[in-house]
């Protein structure tokens, strides 16, 4: 499996759908959980870094699409981690609100709902940023000390840097605004749900995308 290292603390699993990422510290935080059946691969990747499964104490979810929450229940069962998600997406995860496809499915539990504008007191501070558009409650997480953004599907980098494609976007205007919001953060690096990380030159690339999107 390809592991992209960003500084000393961030590892992006680019080979897996949904681009799960680790933030390493005294404890480990996982951002997004891939498709169903991804749990063993994600946790094996963690062990390849010399860390234990029970060190995963928190899981942050950007949004409730299958390729970002499919492995959630499996990983929680293996680690006992607490799950954090924005309110709308938390209701989708817990089967209280229909999925994008209109069906209802319980992907797991959410222990704490995190509203946009919140700063999580983890790893020196993680901003929860409203980027609704791809889905109605999508957020990104911004690791302040390293300047690393965990973008979910607000932007992707599969065939160049683009915003959420129209065919899988719930709110077109919101998706455009999400790009401008992300660019304004001026992250140094970005981990995507789809595509390789941008490392070191992300701010300039995102500003260019924001200009094209305007």
Protein backbone atom coordinates (compact mmCIF):
# COMPACT_ATOMS: atom_id res chain seq x y z
CA UNK A 1 0.00 0.00 0.00
CA UNK A 2 1.18 3.50 -0.82
CA UNK A 3 1.59 5.68 2.27
CA UNK A 4 2.20 9.38 1.68
CA UNK A 5 4.02 11.02 4.58
CA UNK A 6 3.40 14.72 5.20
CA UNK A 7 5.79 15.94 7.85
CA UNK A 8 6.22 13.85 10.98
CA UNK A 9 2.59 13.45 11.93
CA UNK A 10 0.35 12.94 8.88
CA UNK A 11 0.06 9.81 6.74
CA UNK A 12 -2.35 9.65 3.75
CA UNK A 13 -3.46 6.25 2.42
CA UNK A 14 -3.86 7.22 -1.22
CA UNK A 15 -4.51 3.69 -2.53
CA UNK A 16 -7.79 3.34 -0.66
CA UNK A 17 -11.10 4.85 -1.80
CA UNK A 18 -11.91 7.83 0.38
CA UNK A 19 -8.25 8.54 1.16
CA UNK A 20 -8.17 7.73 4.90
CA UNK A 21 -5.45 9.62 6.77
CA UNK A 22 -3.74 9.30 10.13
CA UNK A 23 -2.66 12.10 12.44
CA UNK A 24 0.03 10.67 14.70
CA UNK A 25 0.72 11.86 18.22
CA UNK A 26 0.61 10.37 21.71
CA UNK A 27 -2.70 9.04 20.41
CA UNK A 28 -3.75 8.47 16.79
CA UNK A 29 -6.62 10.20 14.99
CA UNK A 30 -8.06 8.69 11.79
CA UNK A 31 -9.80 10.91 9.23
CA UNK A 32 -12.44 8.94 7.22
CA UNK A 33 -12.66 5.17 7.01
CA UNK A 34 -12.87 4.03 3.38
CA UNK A 35 -15.28 1.45 1.96
CA UNK A 36 -16.74 -1.56 3.74
CA UNK A 37 -13.98 -4.08 4.33
CA UNK A 38 -11.24 -1.46 4.43
CA UNK A 39 -10.72 -1.72 8.17
CA UNK A 40 -8.04 -4.40 8.15
CA UNK A 41 -6.03 -2.61 5.45
CA UNK A 42 -6.24 0.71 7.27
CA UNK A 43 -5.18 -0.80 10.59
CA UNK A 44 -2.43 -2.88 8.95
CA UNK A 45 -1.07 0.36 7.47
CA UNK A 46 -1.06 1.85 10.96
CA UNK A 47 0.83 -1.15 12.34
CA UNK A 48 3.39 -0.81 9.52
CA UNK A 49 4.16 2.60 11.06
CA UNK A 50 4.95 0.96 14.38
CA UNK A 51 1.68 1.98 16.04
CA UNK A 52 -0.96 -0.21 17.70
CA UNK A 53 -4.64 -0.46 16.84
CA UNK A 54 -5.69 0.55 20.32
CA UNK A 55 -3.82 3.86 19.87
CA UNK A 56 -6.58 5.01 17.49
CA UNK A 57 -8.74 6.97 19.93
CA UNK A 58 -10.69 9.25 17.56
CA UNK A 59 -12.19 9.07 14.09
CA UNK A 60 -13.13 12.27 12.25
CA UNK A 61 -15.65 11.99 9.40
CA UNK A 62 -15.84 14.59 6.63
CA UNK A 63 -19.13 13.31 5.18
CA UNK A 64 -21.30 10.21 5.09
CA UNK A 65 -20.72 8.82 1.59
CA UNK A 66 -20.04 5.09 1.50
CA UNK A 67 -16.34 5.42 0.62
CA UNK A 68 -15.75 7.59 3.68
CA UNK A 69 -17.84 5.75 6.30
CA UNK A 70 -18.01 2.17 4.99
CA UNK A 71 -15.25 0.94 7.27
CA UNK A 72 -16.45 2.88 10.31
CA UNK A 73 -18.18 0.14 12.31
CA UNK A 74 -15.32 -2.31 11.67
CA UNK A 75 -12.66 0.12 12.83
CA UNK A 76 -14.62 1.19 15.90
CA UNK A 77 -15.05 -2.48 16.86
CA UNK A 78 -11.29 -3.05 16.51
CA UNK A 79 -10.14 0.11 18.31
CA UNK A 80 -12.90 1.45 20.55
CA UNK A 81 -12.32 4.91 19.02
CA UNK A 82 -14.77 7.78 19.52
CA UNK A 83 -16.42 9.06 16.34
CA UNK A 84 -16.81 12.75 15.44
CA UNK A 85 -18.96 14.02 12.56
CA UNK A 86 -20.86 17.17 11.55
CA UNK A 87 -24.57 17.17 12.50
CA UNK A 88 -26.23 16.48 9.13
CA UNK A 89 -23.71 13.77 8.25
CA UNK A 90 -24.03 12.23 11.73
CA UNK A 91 -27.74 11.70 11.11
CA UNK A 92 -26.94 9.95 7.81
CA UNK A 93 -24.34 7.76 9.51
CA UNK A 94 -26.80 6.72 12.21
CA UNK A 95 -29.60 6.02 9.73
CA UNK A 96 -31.78 8.95 10.81
CA UNK A 97 -31.50 10.78 7.46
CA UNK A 98 -31.45 9.14 4.00
CA UNK A 99 -28.18 8.69 2.16
CA UNK A 100 -27.37 10.46 -1.10
CA UNK A 101 -29.09 7.61 -2.96
CA UNK A 102 -32.32 8.02 -0.98
CA UNK A 103 -32.07 4.84 1.07
CA UNK A 104 -31.47 4.66 4.81
CA UNK A 105 -28.48 2.77 6.19
CA UNK A 106 -26.86 2.73 9.59
CA UNK A 107 -23.09 2.93 9.13
CA UNK A 108 -22.25 3.14 12.83
CA UNK A 109 -22.53 5.44 15.81
CA UNK A 110 -21.40 9.04 16.26
CA UNK A 111 -20.20 9.94 19.74
CA UNK A 112 -19.84 13.68 19.22
CA UNK A 113 -21.34 16.04 16.65
CA UNK A 114 -18.89 18.78 15.63
CA UNK A 115 -20.36 22.00 14.26
CA UNK A 116 -18.53 24.01 11.61
CA UNK A 117 -16.55 26.75 13.28
CA UNK A 118 -15.49 24.45 16.11
CA UNK A 119 -11.82 24.02 16.95
CA UNK A 120 -11.13 20.50 18.22
CA UNK A 121 -8.53 20.48 21.00
CA UNK A 122 -6.53 17.71 19.32
CA UNK A 123 -2.98 17.69 17.96
CA UNK A 124 -2.51 21.41 18.62
CA UNK A 125 -5.93 22.38 17.23
CA UNK A 126 -8.05 21.11 14.34
CA UNK A 127 -10.52 23.49 12.69
CA UNK A 128 -13.86 22.10 11.55
CA UNK A 129 -14.70 24.06 8.38
CA UNK A 130 -18.06 24.21 6.57
CA UNK A 131 -17.67 23.03 2.97
CA UNK A 132 -21.22 21.90 2.17
CA UNK A 133 -21.76 21.32 -1.51
CA UNK A 134 -20.55 17.81 -2.30
CA UNK A 135 -23.03 16.77 0.41
CA UNK A 136 -25.32 18.93 2.51
CA UNK A 137 -23.21 18.69 5.65
CA UNK A 138 -19.68 18.19 4.31
CA UNK A 139 -16.80 19.60 6.38
CA UNK A 140 -13.05 19.64 6.02
CA UNK A 141 -10.55 19.45 8.87
CA UNK A 142 -7.55 21.78 9.08
CA UNK A 143 -4.58 20.77 11.22
CA UNK A 144 -3.26 24.15 12.26
CA UNK A 145 0.34 23.45 13.33
CA UNK A 146 1.28 21.63 10.12
CA UNK A 147 -1.06 23.54 7.83
CA UNK A 148 -2.51 20.25 6.54
CA UNK A 149 -6.06 20.14 5.18
CA UNK A 150 -8.11 16.93 5.08
CA UNK A 151 -10.37 17.74 2.14
CA UNK A 152 -12.77 14.80 1.94
CA UNK A 153 -14.50 15.27 -1.44
CA UNK A 154 -14.81 19.07 -1.47
CA UNK A 155 -11.90 18.99 -3.94
CA UNK A 156 -10.10 16.06 -5.53
CA UNK A 157 -6.85 15.45 -7.36
CA UNK A 158 -7.49 12.40 -9.54
CA UNK A 159 -6.86 14.05 -12.94
CA UNK A 160 -5.68 17.41 -11.73
CA UNK A 161 -7.12 19.60 -9.02
CA UNK A 162 -10.90 20.09 -9.34
CA UNK A 163 -13.90 20.80 -7.14
CA UNK A 164 -16.65 18.24 -6.50
CA UNK A 165 -17.94 17.06 -9.92
CA UNK A 166 -21.50 18.16 -10.74
CA UNK A 167 -22.81 14.61 -11.12
CA UNK A 168 -22.10 13.89 -7.43
CA UNK A 169 -22.71 17.36 -5.99
CA UNK A 170 -25.74 18.14 -3.81
CA UNK A 171 -25.36 21.95 -3.99
CA UNK A 172 -23.51 23.51 -6.94
CA UNK A 173 -23.19 27.00 -5.43
CA UNK A 174 -22.07 25.49 -2.16
CA UNK A 175 -19.41 23.44 -3.93
CA UNK A 176 -18.02 26.58 -5.59
CA UNK A 177 -18.00 28.42 -2.26
CA UNK A 178 -16.27 25.45 -0.62
CA UNK A 179 -13.31 25.88 -2.98
CA UNK A 180 -13.01 29.55 -2.05
CA UNK A 181 -13.28 28.67 1.65
CA UNK A 182 -10.53 26.09 1.39
CA UNK A 183 -8.26 28.40 -0.63
CA UNK A 184 -8.67 31.14 1.99
CA UNK A 185 -7.20 28.81 4.63
CA UNK A 186 -3.95 28.72 2.60
CA UNK A 187 -2.99 25.18 3.62
CA UNK A 188 0.55 24.06 2.97
CA UNK A 189 -0.58 20.53 2.10
CA UNK A 190 -3.83 18.71 1.31
CA UNK A 191 -4.94 15.10 1.76
CA UNK A 192 -7.76 14.22 -0.66
CA UNK A 193 -10.46 11.60 -0.62
CA UNK A 194 -9.40 10.81 -4.18
CA UNK A 195 -5.97 11.41 -5.65
CA UNK A 196 -2.43 12.00 -4.35
CA UNK A 197 -1.67 14.61 -1.73
CA UNK A 198 -0.47 18.09 -2.53
CA UNK A 199 2.57 18.75 -0.36
CA UNK A 200 4.14 22.17 0.10
CA UNK A 201 2.53 24.13 -2.74
CA UNK A 202 -1.14 23.59 -1.98
CA UNK A 203 -2.05 27.23 -1.21
CA UNK A 204 -1.05 28.50 -4.65
CA UNK A 205 -2.75 25.59 -6.44
CA UNK A 206 -6.00 26.11 -4.50
CA UNK A 207 -5.99 29.85 -5.15
CA UNK A 208 -5.69 29.13 -8.88
CA UNK A 209 -8.62 26.70 -8.68
CA UNK A 210 -10.68 29.28 -6.77
CA UNK A 211 -10.05 31.83 -9.54
CA UNK A 212 -11.21 29.34 -12.17
CA UNK A 213 -14.28 28.47 -10.12
CA UNK A 214 -15.41 32.08 -9.58
